[in-house]
Amino acid sequence: MSSLMTNASAMTALQTLNSTNKQMSEVQNRISTGYRVSTASDNAAYWSIATTMRSDNMALSAVEDALGLGAATVDVMYTATESTVDVVNEIKAKLVAARQPGVDRTKIQSDITELQGQLQTIADSSVFNGENWLSVDSGAADYNATKTIVGSFTRSGGAITIDTIAVDITQTELFDATGADGILDGAKTNGNVVSTIDISALTDSAADLTTLENMIADVDEALGEITDSATLLGSVKKRVDLQKDFVTALTDAIDRGVGQLVDADMNEESTRLQALQVQQQLGIQALSIANSNSQNILSLFR
């Protein structure tokens, strides 16, 4: 039936054209943004997951920065400890040389005194970002024997956990301004303190030579403790470097995972856009033909 009031063909063609235009709008939005899911209305579940994972990735980036800062701090302490080993070796060598009867121990003590001063200088200057693990003050209000480096950020069942790498600086401190129980300012087995050893008054008597030998033994004991400290710092440095590499790889993996959820396939979208453009043109043609049907009714009344 031909009707002037209701053009069913035009209505069908218009609905099809509107649907095609809506799909084209979606495809053009994906092409312009690069995302298949850019808002919650596109896919609520995927959008929620992607938003959470992007937030966690920002936290992991902060962890990566913290690990870099921690690695730099440990590296400073490790470098200073290595220098300390060299100086203590020099002191040990001076003491061994002083064991020879007849040597001028006063002059040897002058060298030892300078080396002792160098030990204090090394410890006091080993500072990075306000942190010093070699020269401490255990009596200070903000003193904490355990230093921590932020190592990871994890989410499990909605609960987040920040893991840290702990360093016990009681094993690394060379000087303690309050307790005087650092490796170099604390008394060793024979009662000698490396940082205050003085041989200038020693003679060649049997008792004094025994005292000198005890000093050598205590310096060697301190050297062993410093070596253990360097080993600890070296192990921590290695762990921090490994964790930093892991966090970097983990961040990249999360980025790839989020991309698989929400990124648009540009090859697919390009093909789809071309198909929709053809459908749009056909829809316009169909609507034009449907609208012309009303004009054909006029010929019946001529």
Protein backbone atom coordinates (compact mmCIF):
# COMPACT_ATOMS: atom_id res chain seq x y z
CA MET A 1 0.00 0.00 0.00
CA SER A 2 1.29 3.44 -0.95
CA SER A 3 0.75 6.04 1.78
CA LEU A 4 1.64 9.69 2.19
CA MET A 5 1.37 9.51 5.99
CA THR A 6 3.60 6.52 6.64
CA ASN A 7 6.72 5.77 4.59
CA ALA A 8 7.86 2.42 5.96
CA SER A 9 10.76 2.14 3.52
CA ALA A 10 12.12 5.53 4.54
CA MET A 11 11.80 4.64 8.24
CA THR A 12 13.73 1.39 7.74
CA ALA A 13 16.42 3.11 5.69
CA LEU A 14 16.74 5.86 8.34
CA GLN A 15 17.14 3.35 11.19
CA THR A 16 19.83 1.50 9.25
CA LEU A 17 21.65 4.74 8.44
CA ASN A 18 21.52 5.86 12.11
CA SER A 19 22.93 2.50 13.22
CA THR A 20 25.75 2.79 10.67
CA ASN A 21 26.54 6.36 11.80
CA LYS A 22 26.65 5.23 15.44
CA GLN A 23 29.08 2.43 14.61
CA MET A 24 31.22 4.84 12.59
CA SER A 25 31.37 7.18 15.58
CA GLU A 26 32.61 4.33 17.79
CA VAL A 27 35.25 3.28 15.26
CA GLN A 28 36.44 6.87 14.75
CA ASN A 29 36.74 7.28 18.55
CA ARG A 30 38.85 4.10 18.77
CA ILE A 31 41.08 5.28 15.94
CA SER A 32 41.55 8.76 17.44
CA THR A 33 42.23 7.52 21.02
CA GLY A 34 43.92 4.21 20.19
CA TYR A 35 41.73 2.46 22.77
CA ARG A 36 39.05 -0.16 22.29
CA VAL A 37 37.97 0.48 25.89
CA SER A 38 38.50 4.12 26.82
CA THR A 39 35.56 4.62 29.23
CA ALA A 40 33.58 2.47 31.63
CA SER A 41 30.65 2.50 29.19
CA ASP A 42 32.75 0.67 26.58
CA ASN A 43 33.40 -2.33 28.85
CA ALA A 44 32.99 -1.79 32.59
CA ALA A 45 34.96 -4.88 33.66
CA TYR A 46 37.97 -4.28 31.41
CA TRP A 47 37.99 -0.54 32.16
CA SER A 48 38.02 -1.25 35.93
CA ILE A 49 40.87 -3.76 35.62
CA ALA A 50 42.90 -1.45 33.37
CA THR A 51 42.40 1.56 35.67
CA THR A 52 43.53 -0.42 38.73
CA MET A 53 46.56 -1.88 36.95
CA ARG A 54 47.61 1.54 35.62
CA SER A 55 47.47 2.87 39.18
CA ASP A 56 49.55 -0.06 40.44
CA ASN A 57 52.04 0.52 37.64
CA MET A 58 52.51 4.12 38.80
CA ALA A 59 53.25 2.74 42.27
CA LEU A 60 55.76 0.32 40.76
CA SER A 61 57.44 3.23 38.98
CA ALA A 62 57.82 4.89 42.39
CA VAL A 63 59.28 1.61 43.72
CA GLU A 64 61.77 1.59 40.84
CA ASP A 65 62.85 5.12 41.78
CA ALA A 66 63.17 4.09 45.45
CA LEU A 67 65.31 1.10 44.47
CA GLY A 68 67.54 3.40 42.44
CA LEU A 69 67.94 5.67 45.46
CA GLY A 70 68.59 2.69 47.71
CA ALA A 71 71.16 1.27 45.31
CA ALA A 72 72.99 4.59 45.25
CA THR A 73 73.00 4.75 49.07
CA VAL A 74 74.34 1.20 49.41
CA ASP A 75 76.96 1.90 46.74
CA VAL A 76 78.27 4.92 48.69
CA MET A 77 78.51 2.86 51.89
CA TYR A 78 80.17 -0.03 50.07
CA THR A 79 82.73 2.25 48.42
CA ALA A 80 83.56 3.86 51.76
CA THR A 81 83.90 0.46 53.42
CA GLU A 82 86.33 -0.68 50.73
CA SER A 83 88.43 2.45 51.35
CA THR A 84 88.31 1.72 55.08
CA VAL A 85 89.70 -1.78 54.46
CA ASP A 86 92.68 -0.24 52.66
CA VAL A 87 93.39 2.19 55.52
CA VAL A 88 93.07 -0.46 58.22
CA ASN A 89 95.44 -2.66 56.25
CA GLU A 90 97.93 0.21 56.31
CA ILE A 91 97.57 0.54 60.08
CA LYS A 92 98.08 -3.20 60.50
CA ALA A 93 101.22 -3.04 58.36
CA LYS A 94 102.56 -0.12 60.43
CA LEU A 95 101.99 -2.06 63.65
CA VAL A 96 103.75 -5.13 62.26
CA ALA A 97 106.69 -2.92 61.26
CA ALA A 98 106.73 -1.46 64.78
CA ARG A 99 107.16 -4.97 66.24
CA GLN A 100 110.78 -4.93 65.10
CA PRO A 101 112.98 -3.97 68.08
CA GLY A 102 114.89 -0.73 67.72
CA VAL A 103 112.47 1.06 65.36
CA ASP A 104 111.30 4.60 66.09
CA ARG A 105 107.73 3.92 67.18
CA THR A 106 107.02 7.62 67.67
CA LYS A 107 107.42 8.27 63.96
CA ILE A 108 105.38 5.20 63.10
CA GLN A 109 102.67 6.49 65.45
CA SER A 110 102.62 9.78 63.49
CA ASP A 111 101.66 7.80 60.39
CA ILE A 112 99.10 5.76 62.31
CA THR A 113 97.53 8.91 63.77
CA GLU A 114 97.00 10.31 60.26
CA LEU A 115 95.50 7.02 59.14
CA GLN A 116 93.16 7.02 62.13
CA GLY A 117 92.04 10.51 61.17
CA GLN A 118 91.44 9.30 57.65
CA LEU A 119 89.20 6.54 58.98
CA GLN A 120 87.03 9.11 60.76
CA THR A 121 86.93 11.29 57.64
CA ILE A 122 85.84 8.40 55.45
CA ALA A 123 83.07 7.41 57.86
CA ASP A 124 81.79 10.98 58.39
CA SER A 125 81.74 11.81 54.68
CA SER A 126 79.91 8.64 53.61
CA VAL A 127 76.57 10.42 53.27
CA PHE A 128 73.97 10.06 50.53
CA ASN A 129 70.59 11.76 50.68
CA GLY A 130 71.13 12.43 54.38
CA GLU A 131 71.84 8.77 55.16
CA ASN A 132 75.06 7.63 56.84
CA TRP A 133 75.33 3.98 57.85
CA LEU A 134 78.99 4.12 58.88
CA SER A 135 79.15 7.03 61.32
CA VAL A 136 76.06 7.03 63.55
CA ASP A 137 74.72 8.30 66.84
CA SER A 138 72.72 5.56 68.53
CA GLY A 139 71.56 8.04 71.15
CA ALA A 140 69.79 10.29 68.64
CA ALA A 141 66.00 10.42 68.79
CA ASP A 142 65.64 9.44 65.12
CA TYR A 143 68.16 6.59 65.26
CA ASN A 144 66.98 3.30 63.79
CA ALA A 145 69.31 0.32 63.64
CA THR A 146 67.40 -1.11 60.68
CA LYS A 147 67.43 0.80 57.42
CA THR A 148 64.90 -0.19 54.78
CA ILE A 149 64.70 0.15 51.02
CA VAL A 150 61.27 -0.04 49.35
CA GLY A 151 61.49 -3.18 47.22
CA SER A 152 58.06 -3.95 45.78
CA PHE A 153 54.36 -3.11 45.61
CA THR A 154 51.89 -6.00 45.40
CA ARG A 155 48.10 -6.33 45.35
CA SER A 156 46.35 -9.51 46.43
CA GLY A 157 42.59 -9.76 46.81
CA GLY A 158 42.27 -5.99 46.97
CA ALA A 159 44.84 -5.66 49.79
CA ILE A 160 48.12 -3.97 49.00
CA THR A 161 51.53 -4.82 50.46
CA ILE A 162 54.75 -2.83 50.33
CA ASP A 163 57.78 -5.08 50.81
CA THR A 164 61.15 -3.70 51.87
CA ILE A 165 64.78 -4.78 51.87
CA ALA A 166 66.17 -4.41 55.40
CA VAL A 167 69.78 -3.59 56.30
CA ASP A 168 71.04 -3.98 59.88
CA ILE A 169 73.49 -1.09 60.21
CA THR A 170 74.81 -2.36 63.54
CA GLN A 171 76.89 -4.63 61.30
CA THR A 172 78.16 -1.76 59.16
CA GLU A 173 78.70 1.16 61.56
CA LEU A 174 82.33 2.08 62.05
CA PHE A 175 81.81 4.84 64.61
CA ASP A 176 79.04 5.42 67.15
CA ALA A 177 79.03 8.86 68.73
CA THR A 178 77.04 7.67 71.76
CA GLY A 179 77.70 4.02 72.42
CA ALA A 180 81.27 3.89 71.12
CA ASP A 181 80.57 0.36 69.97
CA GLY A 182 81.30 0.71 66.28
CA ILE A 183 83.85 -1.47 64.55
CA LEU A 184 86.59 1.15 64.85
CA ASP A 185 85.69 2.94 68.09
CA GLY A 186 84.68 -0.13 70.08
CA ALA A 187 87.04 -2.23 72.18
CA LYS A 188 88.18 -5.53 70.69
CA THR A 189 89.08 -8.82 72.33
CA ASN A 190 92.32 -7.51 73.86
CA GLY A 191 90.75 -4.19 74.87
CA ASN A 192 92.28 -2.09 72.11
CA VAL A 193 90.33 0.48 70.05
CA VAL A 194 91.51 0.81 66.47
CA SER A 195 90.73 4.51 66.22
CA THR A 196 92.78 5.38 69.34
CA ILE A 197 95.69 2.92 69.25
CA ASP A 198 98.94 4.63 70.33
CA ILE A 199 102.32 2.89 70.25
CA SER A 200 104.51 5.94 70.81
CA ALA A 201 105.19 5.04 74.46
CA LEU A 202 105.96 1.36 73.87
CA THR A 203 109.48 0.06 74.44
CA ASP A 204 111.25 -3.17 73.55
CA SER A 205 110.34 -4.77 76.86
CA ALA A 206 108.61 -8.14 76.73
CA ALA A 207 105.42 -6.68 78.19
CA ASP A 208 105.32 -3.85 75.64
CA LEU A 209 105.98 -6.22 72.76
CA THR A 210 103.12 -8.40 73.98
CA THR A 211 100.92 -5.30 74.10
CA LEU A 212 101.93 -4.47 70.54
CA GLU A 213 101.10 -7.99 69.39
CA ASN A 214 97.68 -7.68 71.06
CA MET A 215 97.13 -4.44 69.16
CA ILE A 216 97.96 -6.20 65.88
CA ALA A 217 95.51 -8.98 66.77
CA ASP A 218 92.74 -6.45 67.56
CA VAL A 219 93.33 -4.52 64.32
CA ASP A 220 93.16 -7.79 62.43
CA GLU A 221 89.90 -8.59 64.25
CA ALA A 222 88.49 -5.21 63.21
CA LEU A 223 89.64 -5.84 59.66
CA GLY A 224 87.66 -9.09 59.64
CA GLU A 225 84.54 -7.26 60.85
CA ILE A 226 84.93 -4.58 58.19
CA THR A 227 85.32 -7.30 55.57
CA ASP A 228 82.07 -8.87 56.80
CA SER A 229 80.42 -5.44 56.60
CA ALA A 230 81.58 -5.00 53.01
CA THR A 231 80.27 -8.48 52.20
CA LEU A 232 76.87 -7.58 53.65
CA LEU A 233 76.69 -4.31 51.70
CA GLY A 234 77.81 -6.07 48.52
CA SER A 235 75.07 -8.68 48.91
CA VAL A 236 72.44 -6.00 49.54
CA LYS A 237 73.63 -4.03 46.52
CA LYS A 238 73.34 -7.13 44.33
CA ARG A 239 69.83 -7.85 45.61
CA VAL A 240 68.70 -4.27 45.04
CA ASP A 241 70.05 -4.32 41.47
CA LEU A 242 68.26 -7.61 40.76
CA GLN A 243 65.01 -6.32 42.24
CA LYS A 244 65.28 -3.12 40.20
CA ASP A 245 65.64 -5.16 36.99
CA PHE A 246 62.66 -7.29 38.01
CA VAL A 247 60.43 -4.29 38.75
CA THR A 248 61.33 -2.79 35.37
CA ALA A 249 60.40 -6.04 33.60
CA LEU A 250 57.22 -6.35 35.68
CA THR A 251 56.13 -2.82 34.78
CA ASP A 252 56.58 -3.57 31.09
CA ALA A 253 54.62 -6.83 31.43
CA ILE A 254 51.71 -5.05 33.14
CA ASP A 255 51.68 -2.41 30.39
CA ARG A 256 51.45 -5.19 27.80
CA GLY A 257 48.66 -6.89 29.74
CA VAL A 258 46.63 -3.69 30.01
CA GLY A 259 47.19 -3.07 26.31
CA GLN A 260 45.71 -6.45 25.41
CA LEU A 261 42.58 -5.55 27.36
CA VAL A 262 41.90 -2.02 26.14
CA ASP A 263 44.05 -1.18 23.09
CA ALA A 264 42.37 -1.03 19.70
CA ASP A 265 43.59 -3.18 16.81
CA MET A 266 44.24 -0.44 14.27
CA ASN A 267 44.31 -2.86 11.33
CA GLU A 268 40.90 -4.21 12.27
CA GLU A 269 39.45 -0.75 12.94
CA SER A 270 40.75 0.58 9.62
CA THR A 271 39.08 -2.26 7.73
CA ARG A 272 35.88 -1.80 9.68
CA LEU A 273 35.83 1.95 9.00
CA GLN A 274 36.07 1.39 5.25
CA ALA A 275 33.19 -1.13 5.39
CA LEU A 276 31.04 1.30 7.41
CA GLN A 277 31.75 4.12 4.97
CA VAL A 278 30.39 1.95 2.16
CA GLN A 279 27.37 1.03 4.29
CA GLN A 280 26.79 4.70 5.03
CA GLN A 281 26.82 5.62 1.36
CA LEU A 282 24.40 2.78 0.56
CA GLY A 283 22.19 3.87 3.45
CA ILE A 284 22.02 7.39 2.10
CA GLN A 285 21.11 6.02 -1.33
CA ALA A 286 18.41 3.77 0.16
CA LEU A 287 16.92 6.68 2.16
CA SER A 288 16.93 8.87 -0.96
CA ILE A 289 15.09 6.18 -2.96
CA ALA A 290 12.58 5.65 -0.16
CA ASN A 291 11.86 9.38 0.06
CA SER A 292 11.34 9.58 -3.72
CA ASN A 293 8.48 7.06 -3.52
CA SER A 294 6.17 9.79 -2.23
CA GLN A 295 6.90 11.86 -5.34
CA ASN A 296 5.80 8.93 -7.51
CA ILE A 297 2.29 9.10 -6.02
CA LEU A 298 1.76 12.50 -7.69
CA SER A 299 1.90 10.85 -11.12
CA LEU A 300 -1.24 8.90 -10.27
CA PHE A 301 -3.23 12.14 -10.14
CA ARG A 302 -2.07 13.67 -13.41
